[in-house]
Amino acid sequence: MTYLYIKALHIIFVVTWFAGLFYIPRLFIYYIEAQKKPKVERDVLTPQLILMTKRLWYIITWPSAIITLIFGVWLLVLNPSLLALGWMHIKLLFIVILWLYHLKNHQLYLKMKHNKLTWSSSKMRIWNEVATIVLFAVVFLAVLKTSIGWVFGVVGIIALGILLMIGIKAYKNYRLKKGEE
């Protein structure tokens, strides 16, 4: 029964960690776009966005990441046979990728805090999708428990992403045409 409680807590903190990882790049995008606004707006928005980012990062995202890791390791200690499974090796690889993504976001936060964030909002929008791809891969691995199951999930999300980008571009072009008329 202990294993199931630990697993439930692990899943809860995975959700809160991902909530932070999904939202932090959005705050970076808002910050980047605020830097292009007139000085009066920029002077109001910039400190507020930095404060919101700091609170999200240190109150939700970092604690959730650490607690997720603790409960994840605890689950492996309680059930070490999981480490012999191929799908678990791939899942752990994606977890390493997620931690690298997390650490890069920390680096971006520090740059933002010192007004040295130089990424474009377009690049940040693409960066924002990394966590989504990792989430799909990990969920498909954990649910299907096959070494190949994650491929279908990732291919599916990439195909969906491509369709969404095509749709967004088409809508943007439609709006531009309509505005010219």
C-alpha atoms as a PDB file:
ATOM      1  CA  MET A   1       0.000   0.000   0.000  1.00  0.00           C
ATOM      2  CA  THR A   2       2.921   2.367   0.694  1.00  0.00           C
ATOM      3  CA  TYR A   3       4.016   1.973  -2.924  1.00  0.00           C
ATOM      4  CA  LEU A   4       0.639   3.216  -4.206  1.00  0.00           C
ATOM      5  CA  TYR A   5       0.671   6.273  -1.910  1.00  0.00           C
ATOM      6  CA  ILE A   6       4.181   7.139  -3.045  1.00  0.00           C
ATOM      7  CA  LYS A   7       3.146   6.618  -6.678  1.00  0.00           C
ATOM      8  CA  ALA A   8       0.114   8.901  -6.240  1.00  0.00           C
ATOM      9  CA  LEU A   9       2.276  11.622  -4.680  1.00  0.00           C
ATOM     10  CA  HIS A  10       4.836  11.187  -7.453  1.00  0.00           C
ATOM     11  CA  ILE A  11       2.134  11.705 -10.101  1.00  0.00           C
ATOM     12  CA  ILE A  12       0.712  14.760  -8.297  1.00  0.00           C
ATOM     13  CA  PHE A  13       4.113  16.450  -8.190  1.00  0.00           C
ATOM     14  CA  VAL A  14       4.839  15.490 -11.808  1.00  0.00           C
ATOM     15  CA  VAL A  15       1.665  17.394 -12.721  1.00  0.00           C
ATOM     16  CA  THR A  16       2.659  20.483 -10.727  1.00  0.00           C
ATOM     17  CA  TRP A  17       6.219  20.339 -12.120  1.00  0.00           C
ATOM     18  CA  PHE A  18       4.879  20.237 -15.666  1.00  0.00           C
ATOM     19  CA  ALA A  19       2.477  23.074 -14.882  1.00  0.00           C
ATOM     20  CA  GLY A  20       5.500  25.202 -14.049  1.00  0.00           C
ATOM     21  CA  LEU A  21       7.460  23.992 -17.076  1.00  0.00           C
ATOM     22  CA  PHE A  22       4.532  24.767 -19.378  1.00  0.00           C
ATOM     23  CA  TYR A  23       3.959  28.255 -17.952  1.00  0.00           C
ATOM     24  CA  ILE A  24       7.520  29.523 -17.488  1.00  0.00           C
ATOM     25  CA  PRO A  25       8.250  29.866 -21.249  1.00  0.00           C
ATOM     26  CA  ARG A  26       4.943  31.743 -21.637  1.00  0.00           C
ATOM     27  CA  LEU A  27       6.144  34.245 -19.033  1.00  0.00           C
ATOM     28  CA  PHE A  28       9.439  34.508 -20.934  1.00  0.00           C
ATOM     29  CA  ILE A  29       7.460  35.237 -24.118  1.00  0.00           C
ATOM     30  CA  TYR A  30       5.427  37.943 -22.372  1.00  0.00           C
ATOM     31  CA  TYR A  31       8.651  39.434 -21.005  1.00  0.00           C
ATOM     32  CA  ILE A  32      10.333  39.397 -24.444  1.00  0.00           C
ATOM     33  CA  GLU A  33       7.301  41.049 -26.033  1.00  0.00           C
ATOM     34  CA  ALA A  34       7.057  43.599 -23.191  1.00  0.00           C
ATOM     35  CA  GLN A  35      10.587  44.775 -24.032  1.00  0.00           C
ATOM     36  CA  LYS A  36       9.269  45.994 -27.401  1.00  0.00           C
ATOM     37  CA  LYS A  37       6.502  48.100 -25.858  1.00  0.00           C
ATOM     38  CA  PRO A  38       6.734  51.843 -25.181  1.00  0.00           C
ATOM     39  CA  LYS A  39       8.814  52.745 -22.110  1.00  0.00           C
ATOM     40  CA  VAL A  40       5.821  53.443 -19.861  1.00  0.00           C
ATOM     41  CA  GLU A  41       4.295  50.003 -20.520  1.00  0.00           C
ATOM     42  CA  ARG A  42       7.674  48.266 -20.412  1.00  0.00           C
ATOM     43  CA  ASP A  43       8.497  49.852 -17.046  1.00  0.00           C
ATOM     44  CA  VAL A  44       5.243  48.525 -15.575  1.00  0.00           C
ATOM     45  CA  LEU A  45       5.243  45.075 -17.204  1.00  0.00           C
ATOM     46  CA  THR A  46       8.893  44.089 -16.770  1.00  0.00           C
ATOM     47  CA  PRO A  47       9.090  44.081 -12.941  1.00  0.00           C
ATOM     48  CA  GLN A  48       5.683  42.391 -12.700  1.00  0.00           C
ATOM     49  CA  LEU A  49       6.663  39.624 -15.135  1.00  0.00           C
ATOM     50  CA  ILE A  50       9.983  39.095 -13.343  1.00  0.00           C
ATOM     51  CA  LEU A  51       8.134  38.814 -10.003  1.00  0.00           C
ATOM     52  CA  MET A  52       5.555  36.384 -11.428  1.00  0.00           C
ATOM     53  CA  THR A  53       8.329  34.277 -12.944  1.00  0.00           C
ATOM     54  CA  LYS A  54      10.305  34.226  -9.693  1.00  0.00           C
ATOM     55  CA  ARG A  55       7.265  33.073  -7.719  1.00  0.00           C
ATOM     56  CA  LEU A  56       6.339  30.396 -10.250  1.00  0.00           C
ATOM     57  CA  TRP A  57       9.917  29.173 -10.496  1.00  0.00           C
ATOM     58  CA  TYR A  58      10.843  29.052  -6.807  1.00  0.00           C
ATOM     59  CA  ILE A  59       7.477  28.362  -5.164  1.00  0.00           C
ATOM     60  CA  ILE A  60       6.000  25.825  -7.615  1.00  0.00           C
ATOM     61  CA  THR A  61       8.398  24.547 -10.257  1.00  0.00           C
ATOM     62  CA  TRP A  62      11.634  23.904  -8.341  1.00  0.00           C
ATOM     63  CA  PRO A  63       9.957  22.326  -5.282  1.00  0.00           C
ATOM     64  CA  SER A  64       7.770  20.154  -7.536  1.00  0.00           C
ATOM     65  CA  ALA A  65      10.791  19.005  -9.533  1.00  0.00           C
ATOM     66  CA  ILE A  66      12.710  18.039  -6.387  1.00  0.00           C
ATOM     67  CA  ILE A  67       9.755  16.296  -4.752  1.00  0.00           C
ATOM     68  CA  THR A  68       9.012  14.447  -8.023  1.00  0.00           C
ATOM     69  CA  LEU A  69      12.601  13.233  -8.090  1.00  0.00           C
ATOM     70  CA  ILE A  70      12.489  12.115  -4.448  1.00  0.00           C
ATOM     71  CA  PHE A  71       9.257  10.149  -4.927  1.00  0.00           C
ATOM     72  CA  GLY A  72      10.502   8.717  -8.246  1.00  0.00           C
ATOM     73  CA  VAL A  73      13.694   7.415  -6.654  1.00  0.00           C
ATOM     74  CA  TRP A  74      11.675   6.112  -3.723  1.00  0.00           C
ATOM     75  CA  LEU A  75       9.460   4.149  -6.134  1.00  0.00           C
ATOM     76  CA  LEU A  76      12.560   2.601  -7.725  1.00  0.00           C
ATOM     77  CA  VAL A  77      13.919   1.688  -4.306  1.00  0.00           C
ATOM     78  CA  LEU A  78      10.597   0.029  -3.409  1.00  0.00           C
ATOM     79  CA  ASN A  79      10.452  -1.764  -6.778  1.00  0.00           C
ATOM     80  CA  PRO A  80      14.011  -2.141  -8.144  1.00  0.00           C
ATOM     81  CA  SER A  81      12.870  -4.705 -10.713  1.00  0.00           C
ATOM     82  CA  LEU A  82      11.644  -1.740 -12.802  1.00  0.00           C
ATOM     83  CA  LEU A  83      15.287  -0.938 -13.551  1.00  0.00           C
ATOM     84  CA  ALA A  84      15.583  -4.176 -15.536  1.00  0.00           C
ATOM     85  CA  LEU A  85      12.895  -3.128 -18.030  1.00  0.00           C
ATOM     86  CA  GLY A  86      13.829  -1.549 -21.368  1.00  0.00           C
ATOM     87  CA  TRP A  87      10.958   0.941 -21.366  1.00  0.00           C
ATOM     88  CA  MET A  88      12.110   2.212 -17.959  1.00  0.00           C
ATOM     89  CA  HIS A  89      15.602   2.904 -19.345  1.00  0.00           C
ATOM     90  CA  ILE A  90      14.068   5.009 -22.114  1.00  0.00           C
ATOM     91  CA  LYS A  91      11.759   6.748 -19.634  1.00  0.00           C
ATOM     92  CA  LEU A  92      14.732   7.611 -17.438  1.00  0.00           C
ATOM     93  CA  LEU A  93      16.522   9.015 -20.498  1.00  0.00           C
ATOM     94  CA  PHE A  94      13.532  11.292 -21.118  1.00  0.00           C
ATOM     95  CA  ILE A  95      13.609  12.300 -17.442  1.00  0.00           C
ATOM     96  CA  VAL A  96      17.260  13.332 -17.882  1.00  0.00           C
ATOM     97  CA  ILE A  97      16.204  15.359 -20.939  1.00  0.00           C
ATOM     98  CA  LEU A  98      13.427  16.942 -18.847  1.00  0.00           C
ATOM     99  CA  TRP A  99      15.920  17.894 -16.142  1.00  0.00           C
ATOM    100  CA  LEU A 100      18.204  19.441 -18.785  1.00  0.00           C
ATOM    101  CA  TYR A 101      15.178  21.388 -20.067  1.00  0.00           C
ATOM    102  CA  HIS A 102      14.400  22.476 -16.497  1.00  0.00           C
ATOM    103  CA  LEU A 103      17.984  23.627 -15.926  1.00  0.00           C
ATOM    104  CA  LYS A 104      18.012  25.543 -19.220  1.00  0.00           C
ATOM    105  CA  ASN A 105      14.810  27.283 -18.143  1.00  0.00           C
ATOM    106  CA  HIS A 106      16.563  28.211 -14.905  1.00  0.00           C
ATOM    107  CA  GLN A 107      19.380  29.720 -16.939  1.00  0.00           C
ATOM    108  CA  LEU A 108      16.827  31.647 -19.041  1.00  0.00           C
ATOM    109  CA  TYR A 109      15.134  32.860 -15.849  1.00  0.00           C
ATOM    110  CA  LEU A 110      18.444  34.199 -14.534  1.00  0.00           C
ATOM    111  CA  LYS A 111      19.034  36.010 -17.835  1.00  0.00           C
ATOM    112  CA  MET A 112      15.539  37.471 -17.679  1.00  0.00           C
ATOM    113  CA  LYS A 113      16.111  38.591 -14.099  1.00  0.00           C
ATOM    114  CA  HIS A 114      19.192  40.541 -15.241  1.00  0.00           C
ATOM    115  CA  ASN A 115      17.496  41.874 -18.401  1.00  0.00           C
ATOM    116  CA  LYS A 116      19.770  39.773 -20.623  1.00  0.00           C
ATOM    117  CA  LEU A 117      17.223  37.406 -22.167  1.00  0.00           C
ATOM    118  CA  THR A 118      17.938  37.642 -25.895  1.00  0.00           C
ATOM    119  CA  TRP A 119      15.746  34.903 -27.380  1.00  0.00           C
ATOM    120  CA  SER A 120      13.012  35.905 -29.803  1.00  0.00           C
ATOM    121  CA  SER A 121       9.415  35.187 -28.871  1.00  0.00           C
ATOM    122  CA  SER A 122       9.216  32.814 -31.873  1.00  0.00           C
ATOM    123  CA  LYS A 123      12.185  30.793 -30.633  1.00  0.00           C
ATOM    124  CA  MET A 124      10.679  30.743 -27.140  1.00  0.00           C
ATOM    125  CA  ARG A 125       7.358  29.450 -28.526  1.00  0.00           C
ATOM    126  CA  ILE A 126       9.184  26.528 -30.127  1.00  0.00           C
ATOM    127  CA  TRP A 127      11.188  25.968 -26.920  1.00  0.00           C
ATOM    128  CA  ASN A 128       7.884  25.811 -25.037  1.00  0.00           C
ATOM    129  CA  GLU A 129       6.983  22.604 -26.924  1.00  0.00           C
ATOM    130  CA  VAL A 130       9.945  20.576 -25.621  1.00  0.00           C
ATOM    131  CA  ALA A 131       8.171  19.795 -22.348  1.00  0.00           C
ATOM    132  CA  THR A 132       5.077  18.680 -24.287  1.00  0.00           C
ATOM    133  CA  ILE A 133       7.088  16.212 -26.356  1.00  0.00           C
ATOM    134  CA  VAL A 134       8.797  14.807 -23.261  1.00  0.00           C
ATOM    135  CA  LEU A 135       5.443  14.525 -21.475  1.00  0.00           C
ATOM    136  CA  PHE A 136       3.929  12.557 -24.367  1.00  0.00           C
ATOM    137  CA  ALA A 137       6.919  10.230 -24.523  1.00  0.00           C
ATOM    138  CA  VAL A 138       6.979   9.559 -20.769  1.00  0.00           C
ATOM    139  CA  VAL A 139       3.223   9.013 -20.488  1.00  0.00           C
ATOM    140  CA  PHE A 140       3.150   6.616 -23.438  1.00  0.00           C
ATOM    141  CA  LEU A 141       6.124   4.719 -21.985  1.00  0.00           C
ATOM    142  CA  ALA A 142       4.582   4.508 -18.511  1.00  0.00           C
ATOM    143  CA  VAL A 143       1.150   3.464 -19.756  1.00  0.00           C
ATOM    144  CA  LEU A 144       2.072   1.117 -22.611  1.00  0.00           C
ATOM    145  CA  LYS A 145       5.223  -0.188 -20.886  1.00  0.00           C
ATOM    146  CA  THR A 146       6.940  -0.871 -24.206  1.00  0.00           C
ATOM    147  CA  SER A 147      10.205   0.450 -25.508  1.00  0.00           C
ATOM    148  CA  ILE A 148       8.594   1.468 -28.804  1.00  0.00           C
ATOM    149  CA  GLY A 149       5.267   2.885 -27.520  1.00  0.00           C
ATOM    150  CA  TRP A 150       6.719   6.341 -26.917  1.00  0.00           C
ATOM    151  CA  VAL A 151       7.598   6.681 -30.626  1.00  0.00           C
ATOM    152  CA  PHE A 152       3.927   6.681 -31.634  1.00  0.00           C
ATOM    153  CA  GLY A 153       3.089   9.263 -28.984  1.00  0.00           C
ATOM    154  CA  VAL A 154       5.918  11.575 -29.990  1.00  0.00           C
ATOM    155  CA  VAL A 155       5.227  11.176 -33.722  1.00  0.00           C
ATOM    156  CA  GLY A 156       1.565  11.930 -33.002  1.00  0.00           C
ATOM    157  CA  ILE A 157       2.323  15.127 -31.067  1.00  0.00           C
ATOM    158  CA  ILE A 158       4.785  16.290 -33.739  1.00  0.00           C
ATOM    159  CA  ALA A 159       2.165  15.673 -36.448  1.00  0.00           C
ATOM    160  CA  LEU A 160      -0.393  17.559 -34.369  1.00  0.00           C
ATOM    161  CA  GLY A 161       2.112  20.390 -33.884  1.00  0.00           C
ATOM    162  CA  ILE A 162       2.749  20.610 -37.619  1.00  0.00           C
ATOM    163  CA  LEU A 163      -0.989  20.714 -38.320  1.00  0.00           C
ATOM    164  CA  LEU A 164      -1.455  23.419 -35.690  1.00  0.00           C
ATOM    165  CA  MET A 165       1.379  25.518 -37.152  1.00  0.00           C
ATOM    166  CA  ILE A 166      -0.109  25.188 -40.648  1.00  0.00           C
ATOM    167  CA  GLY A 167      -3.507  26.201 -39.285  1.00  0.00           C
ATOM    168  CA  ILE A 168      -2.082  29.165 -37.351  1.00  0.00           C
ATOM    169  CA  LYS A 169      -0.163  30.392 -40.425  1.00  0.00           C
ATOM    170  CA  ALA A 170      -3.245  29.997 -42.621  1.00  0.00           C
ATOM    171  CA  TYR A 171      -5.359  31.938 -40.121  1.00  0.00           C
ATOM    172  CA  LYS A 172      -2.702  34.657 -39.825  1.00  0.00           C
ATOM    173  CA  ASN A 173      -2.568  34.977 -43.637  1.00  0.00           C
ATOM    174  CA  TYR A 174      -6.372  35.081 -43.777  1.00  0.00           C
ATOM    175  CA  ARG A 175      -6.449  37.896 -41.187  1.00  0.00           C
ATOM    176  CA  LEU A 176      -3.766  39.839 -43.069  1.00  0.00           C
ATOM    177  CA  LYS A 177      -5.676  39.507 -46.352  1.00  0.00           C
ATOM    178  CA  LYS A 178      -8.934  40.500 -44.709  1.00  0.00           C
ATOM    179  CA  GLY A 179      -7.257  43.543 -43.136  1.00  0.00           C
ATOM    180  CA  GLU A 180      -5.876  44.679 -46.501  1.00  0.00           C
ATOM    181  CA  GLU A 181      -9.271  44.617 -48.164  1.00  0.00           C
END
